[in-house]
Amino acid sequence: MSSPHDFDFLHGDWDVRNRRRTDFLDPAGAWEEFPATTRCWSLFDGAANVDEIDMPHLGCRGLTLRLFDPRTRQWSLNWASSRTGRLFPPVLGHFEDGRGVFHGDDAYDGKEVRVRFVWSGIGAATARWEQAFSLDDGESWLTNWSMEFTRAACGTPAG
């Protein structure tokens, strides 16, 4: 069952290895890889957190605001990009057995998509995030972005 401290592992500084499809909807599309750095900090006694990721390869920064709803025991993950200045629709979900799965609806390249985020491989110095899109309401998924997080040498978990 999810709790307000599910994302405590993410607090602090991280180096991130990104791997993403150049076209999020093309299963035969090319992949690109690039580094990034991120910092996450806690708010609301753990029931919220913010991270900012710097992705020089893409020429932008991203920001995620995560909020825990104690009534539903679910998280909402809200993403914004410095490139657009807009908040994307949230994905909602929870953690179970050390794995977080979150779903939402969005549009990409003029098409309605179902979005899935998965947090896994969580440890003191590592974590993995993955994004997938579905064009058939979750019947099939195309993974289009993954991030491998490694604790930055100078970073320590924030309390």
C-alpha atoms as a PDB file:
ATOM      1  CA  MET A   1       0.000   0.000   0.000  1.00  0.00           C
ATOM      2  CA  SER A   2       1.349   3.427  -0.892  1.00  0.00           C
ATOM      3  CA  SER A   3       2.415   5.930   1.732  1.00  0.00           C
ATOM      4  CA  PRO A   4       3.580   9.554   1.844  1.00  0.00           C
ATOM      5  CA  HIS A   5       7.189   8.315   1.944  1.00  0.00           C
ATOM      6  CA  ASP A   6       7.231   6.160  -1.204  1.00  0.00           C
ATOM      7  CA  PHE A   7       9.470   8.646  -3.034  1.00  0.00           C
ATOM      8  CA  ASP A   8      11.905   9.246  -0.157  1.00  0.00           C
ATOM      9  CA  PHE A   9      14.462   7.181  -2.119  1.00  0.00           C
ATOM     10  CA  LEU A  10      14.574   9.908  -4.773  1.00  0.00           C
ATOM     11  CA  HIS A  11      15.556  12.806  -2.514  1.00  0.00           C
ATOM     12  CA  GLY A  12      19.001  14.205  -3.278  1.00  0.00           C
ATOM     13  CA  ASP A  13      21.222  14.483  -6.355  1.00  0.00           C
ATOM     14  CA  TRP A  14      21.377  11.968  -9.201  1.00  0.00           C
ATOM     15  CA  ASP A  15      23.157  11.299 -12.473  1.00  0.00           C
ATOM     16  CA  VAL A  16      20.712   9.993 -15.063  1.00  0.00           C
ATOM     17  CA  ARG A  17      21.342   7.923 -18.180  1.00  0.00           C
ATOM     18  CA  ASN A  18      18.446   8.502 -20.602  1.00  0.00           C
ATOM     19  CA  ARG A  19      17.466   6.210 -23.438  1.00  0.00           C
ATOM     20  CA  ARG A  20      14.506   7.269 -25.567  1.00  0.00           C
ATOM     21  CA  ARG A  21      12.952   6.695 -28.945  1.00  0.00           C
ATOM     22  CA  THR A  22      13.293   9.567 -31.371  1.00  0.00           C
ATOM     23  CA  ASP A  23       9.619   8.955 -32.272  1.00  0.00           C
ATOM     24  CA  PHE A  24       7.626   7.873 -29.217  1.00  0.00           C
ATOM     25  CA  LEU A  25       5.041   5.976 -31.319  1.00  0.00           C
ATOM     26  CA  ASP A  26       7.300   4.156 -33.789  1.00  0.00           C
ATOM     27  CA  PRO A  27       8.228   0.656 -32.565  1.00  0.00           C
ATOM     28  CA  ALA A  28      10.939   0.460 -35.250  1.00  0.00           C
ATOM     29  CA  GLY A  29      12.250   3.946 -34.504  1.00  0.00           C
ATOM     30  CA  ALA A  30      15.790   4.787 -33.543  1.00  0.00           C
ATOM     31  CA  TRP A  31      16.934   5.200 -29.956  1.00  0.00           C
ATOM     32  CA  GLU A  32      19.098   7.998 -28.604  1.00  0.00           C
ATOM     33  CA  GLU A  33      21.023   8.052 -25.334  1.00  0.00           C
ATOM     34  CA  PHE A  34      22.159  11.053 -23.333  1.00  0.00           C
ATOM     35  CA  PRO A  35      23.137  12.048 -19.792  1.00  0.00           C
ATOM     36  CA  ALA A  36      21.252  14.319 -17.418  1.00  0.00           C
ATOM     37  CA  THR A  37      21.364  15.383 -13.784  1.00  0.00           C
ATOM     38  CA  THR A  38      18.521  15.808 -11.355  1.00  0.00           C
ATOM     39  CA  ARG A  39      17.855  16.980  -7.818  1.00  0.00           C
ATOM     40  CA  CYS A  40      14.791  16.032  -5.775  1.00  0.00           C
ATOM     41  CA  TRP A  41      13.583  17.514  -2.502  1.00  0.00           C
ATOM     42  CA  SER A  42      10.747  16.766  -0.109  1.00  0.00           C
ATOM     43  CA  LEU A  43       7.762  18.937   0.837  1.00  0.00           C
ATOM     44  CA  PHE A  44       4.684  18.463   3.080  1.00  0.00           C
ATOM     45  CA  ASP A  45       6.554  16.105   5.463  1.00  0.00           C
ATOM     46  CA  GLY A  46       7.118  13.643   2.621  1.00  0.00           C
ATOM     47  CA  ALA A  47       3.651  13.783   1.068  1.00  0.00           C
ATOM     48  CA  ALA A  48       4.999  15.841  -1.846  1.00  0.00           C
ATOM     49  CA  ASN A  49       8.276  16.272  -3.652  1.00  0.00           C
ATOM     50  CA  VAL A  50       9.728  18.167  -6.567  1.00  0.00           C
ATOM     51  CA  ASP A  51      12.577  17.286  -8.861  1.00  0.00           C
ATOM     52  CA  GLU A  52      14.225  19.296 -11.588  1.00  0.00           C
ATOM     53  CA  ILE A  53      16.105  17.484 -14.320  1.00  0.00           C
ATOM     54  CA  ASP A  54      18.668  19.208 -16.541  1.00  0.00           C
ATOM     55  CA  MET A  55      18.874  17.677 -20.039  1.00  0.00           C
ATOM     56  CA  PRO A  56      21.410  19.730 -22.051  1.00  0.00           C
ATOM     57  CA  HIS A  57      21.145  17.281 -24.985  1.00  0.00           C
ATOM     58  CA  LEU A  58      17.495  18.279 -25.405  1.00  0.00           C
ATOM     59  CA  GLY A  59      18.133  21.937 -24.571  1.00  0.00           C
ATOM     60  CA  CYS A  60      15.633  21.980 -21.730  1.00  0.00           C
ATOM     61  CA  ARG A  61      14.877  21.247 -18.110  1.00  0.00           C
ATOM     62  CA  GLY A  62      11.968  19.305 -16.719  1.00  0.00           C
ATOM     63  CA  LEU A  63      10.149  19.482 -13.432  1.00  0.00           C
ATOM     64  CA  THR A  64       8.033  16.849 -11.714  1.00  0.00           C
ATOM     65  CA  LEU A  65       5.688  17.635  -8.839  1.00  0.00           C
ATOM     66  CA  ARG A  66       4.509  14.526  -6.989  1.00  0.00           C
ATOM     67  CA  LEU A  67       1.583  14.743  -4.557  1.00  0.00           C
ATOM     68  CA  PHE A  68       0.269  12.014  -2.255  1.00  0.00           C
ATOM     69  CA  ASP A  69      -3.488  11.888  -1.656  1.00  0.00           C
ATOM     70  CA  PRO A  70      -4.026  10.351   1.818  1.00  0.00           C
ATOM     71  CA  ARG A  71      -7.690   9.630   1.074  1.00  0.00           C
ATOM     72  CA  THR A  72      -7.084   7.509  -2.055  1.00  0.00           C
ATOM     73  CA  ARG A  73      -3.523   6.517  -1.040  1.00  0.00           C
ATOM     74  CA  GLN A  74      -2.422   7.374  -4.577  1.00  0.00           C
ATOM     75  CA  TRP A  75       0.203   9.647  -6.020  1.00  0.00           C
ATOM     76  CA  SER A  76      -0.266  12.139  -8.829  1.00  0.00           C
ATOM     77  CA  LEU A  77       2.848  12.804 -10.912  1.00  0.00           C
ATOM     78  CA  ASN A  78       2.746  16.132 -12.736  1.00  0.00           C
ATOM     79  CA  TRP A  79       5.378  16.932 -15.386  1.00  0.00           C
ATOM     80  CA  ALA A  80       6.339  20.283 -16.922  1.00  0.00           C
ATOM     81  CA  SER A  81       9.018  21.171 -19.461  1.00  0.00           C
ATOM     82  CA  SER A  82      10.921  24.435 -19.693  1.00  0.00           C
ATOM     83  CA  ARG A  83      10.512  24.125 -23.468  1.00  0.00           C
ATOM     84  CA  THR A  84       6.712  24.501 -23.371  1.00  0.00           C
ATOM     85  CA  GLY A  85       6.065  26.035 -19.963  1.00  0.00           C
ATOM     86  CA  ARG A  86       2.941  23.915 -19.645  1.00  0.00           C
ATOM     87  CA  LEU A  87       1.906  21.276 -17.141  1.00  0.00           C
ATOM     88  CA  PHE A  88       1.135  17.946 -18.791  1.00  0.00           C
ATOM     89  CA  PRO A  89      -1.846  15.847 -17.602  1.00  0.00           C
ATOM     90  CA  PRO A  90      -0.949  13.897 -14.449  1.00  0.00           C
ATOM     91  CA  VAL A  91      -0.432  10.175 -14.137  1.00  0.00           C
ATOM     92  CA  LEU A  92      -1.959   8.521 -11.058  1.00  0.00           C
ATOM     93  CA  GLY A  93      -0.957   5.381  -9.225  1.00  0.00           C
ATOM     94  CA  HIS A  94       0.713   3.757  -6.278  1.00  0.00           C
ATOM     95  CA  PHE A  95       3.556   1.558  -5.082  1.00  0.00           C
ATOM     96  CA  GLU A  96       3.223  -2.125  -4.362  1.00  0.00           C
ATOM     97  CA  ASP A  97       6.086  -4.454  -3.450  1.00  0.00           C
ATOM     98  CA  GLY A  98       8.694  -1.767  -4.201  1.00  0.00           C
ATOM     99  CA  ARG A  99       7.365  -0.971  -7.683  1.00  0.00           C
ATOM    100  CA  GLY A 100       5.383   2.144  -8.599  1.00  0.00           C
ATOM    101  CA  VAL A 101       2.946   2.079 -11.537  1.00  0.00           C
ATOM    102  CA  PHE A 102       1.139   5.224 -12.712  1.00  0.00           C
ATOM    103  CA  HIS A 103      -1.329   5.764 -15.582  1.00  0.00           C
ATOM    104  CA  GLY A 104      -2.864   8.754 -17.315  1.00  0.00           C
ATOM    105  CA  ASP A 105      -4.183  10.126 -20.587  1.00  0.00           C
ATOM    106  CA  ASP A 106      -2.417  12.566 -22.886  1.00  0.00           C
ATOM    107  CA  ALA A 107      -1.893  13.362 -26.553  1.00  0.00           C
ATOM    108  CA  TYR A 108       1.239  12.911 -28.627  1.00  0.00           C
ATOM    109  CA  ASP A 109       1.706  14.027 -32.215  1.00  0.00           C
ATOM    110  CA  GLY A 110      -2.042  14.657 -32.506  1.00  0.00           C
ATOM    111  CA  LYS A 111      -3.031  11.207 -31.215  1.00  0.00           C
ATOM    112  CA  GLU A 112      -4.699  10.343 -27.927  1.00  0.00           C
ATOM    113  CA  VAL A 113      -2.419   8.105 -25.875  1.00  0.00           C
ATOM    114  CA  ARG A 114      -2.619   6.225 -22.605  1.00  0.00           C
ATOM    115  CA  VAL A 115       0.575   6.856 -20.606  1.00  0.00           C
ATOM    116  CA  ARG A 116       2.272   4.543 -18.126  1.00  0.00           C
ATOM    117  CA  PHE A 117       5.180   5.408 -15.810  1.00  0.00           C
ATOM    118  CA  VAL A 118       6.932   2.633 -13.869  1.00  0.00           C
ATOM    119  CA  TRP A 119       9.435   3.140 -11.035  1.00  0.00           C
ATOM    120  CA  SER A 120      11.477   0.007 -10.247  1.00  0.00           C
ATOM    121  CA  GLY A 121      14.939  -1.192  -9.230  1.00  0.00           C
ATOM    122  CA  ILE A 122      14.825   1.140  -6.255  1.00  0.00           C
ATOM    123  CA  GLY A 123      17.810   1.140  -3.922  1.00  0.00           C
ATOM    124  CA  ALA A 124      19.934   3.556  -1.925  1.00  0.00           C
ATOM    125  CA  ALA A 125      22.079   4.428  -4.963  1.00  0.00           C
ATOM    126  CA  THR A 126      20.001   3.349  -7.988  1.00  0.00           C
ATOM    127  CA  ALA A 127      16.513   3.567  -9.439  1.00  0.00           C
ATOM    128  CA  ARG A 128      14.845   3.098 -12.817  1.00  0.00           C
ATOM    129  CA  TRP A 129      12.008   5.044 -14.459  1.00  0.00           C
ATOM    130  CA  GLU A 130      10.249   3.987 -17.641  1.00  0.00           C
ATOM    131  CA  GLN A 131       7.584   5.592 -19.824  1.00  0.00           C
ATOM    132  CA  ALA A 132       5.341   3.724 -22.267  1.00  0.00           C
ATOM    133  CA  PHE A 133       2.465   4.816 -24.520  1.00  0.00           C
ATOM    134  CA  SER A 134      -0.584   2.867 -25.639  1.00  0.00           C
ATOM    135  CA  LEU A 135      -2.804   3.699 -28.607  1.00  0.00           C
ATOM    136  CA  ASP A 136      -5.311   0.952 -27.752  1.00  0.00           C
ATOM    137  CA  ASP A 137      -6.328   1.919 -24.194  1.00  0.00           C
ATOM    138  CA  GLY A 138      -3.697  -0.232 -22.512  1.00  0.00           C
ATOM    139  CA  GLU A 139      -4.061  -3.430 -24.531  1.00  0.00           C
ATOM    140  CA  SER A 140      -0.463  -3.039 -25.724  1.00  0.00           C
ATOM    141  CA  TRP A 141       2.366  -0.734 -24.648  1.00  0.00           C
ATOM    142  CA  LEU A 142       5.357   0.752 -26.447  1.00  0.00           C
ATOM    143  CA  THR A 143       8.175   1.709 -24.090  1.00  0.00           C
ATOM    144  CA  ASN A 144       9.644   4.940 -25.425  1.00  0.00           C
ATOM    145  CA  TRP A 145      11.835   6.355 -22.653  1.00  0.00           C
ATOM    146  CA  SER A 146      13.830   4.948 -19.757  1.00  0.00           C
ATOM    147  CA  MET A 147      16.060   6.588 -17.184  1.00  0.00           C
ATOM    148  CA  GLU A 148      18.683   4.825 -15.081  1.00  0.00           C
ATOM    149  CA  PHE A 149      19.372   6.827 -11.910  1.00  0.00           C
ATOM    150  CA  THR A 150      22.691   6.618 -10.055  1.00  0.00           C
ATOM    151  CA  ARG A 151      23.263   8.567  -6.857  1.00  0.00           C
ATOM    152  CA  ALA A 152      25.624  11.461  -7.624  1.00  0.00           C
ATOM    153  CA  ALA A 153      28.944  11.199  -5.802  1.00  0.00           C
ATOM    154  CA  CYS A 154      28.385  14.516  -4.036  1.00  0.00           C
ATOM    155  CA  GLY A 155      24.670  13.921  -3.406  1.00  0.00           C
ATOM    156  CA  THR A 156      23.181  12.589  -0.237  1.00  0.00           C
ATOM    157  CA  PRO A 157      19.563  11.813   0.470  1.00  0.00           C
ATOM    158  CA  ALA A 158      17.678  14.815   1.810  1.00  0.00           C
ATOM    159  CA  GLY A 159      15.643  14.216   4.939  1.00  0.00           C
END
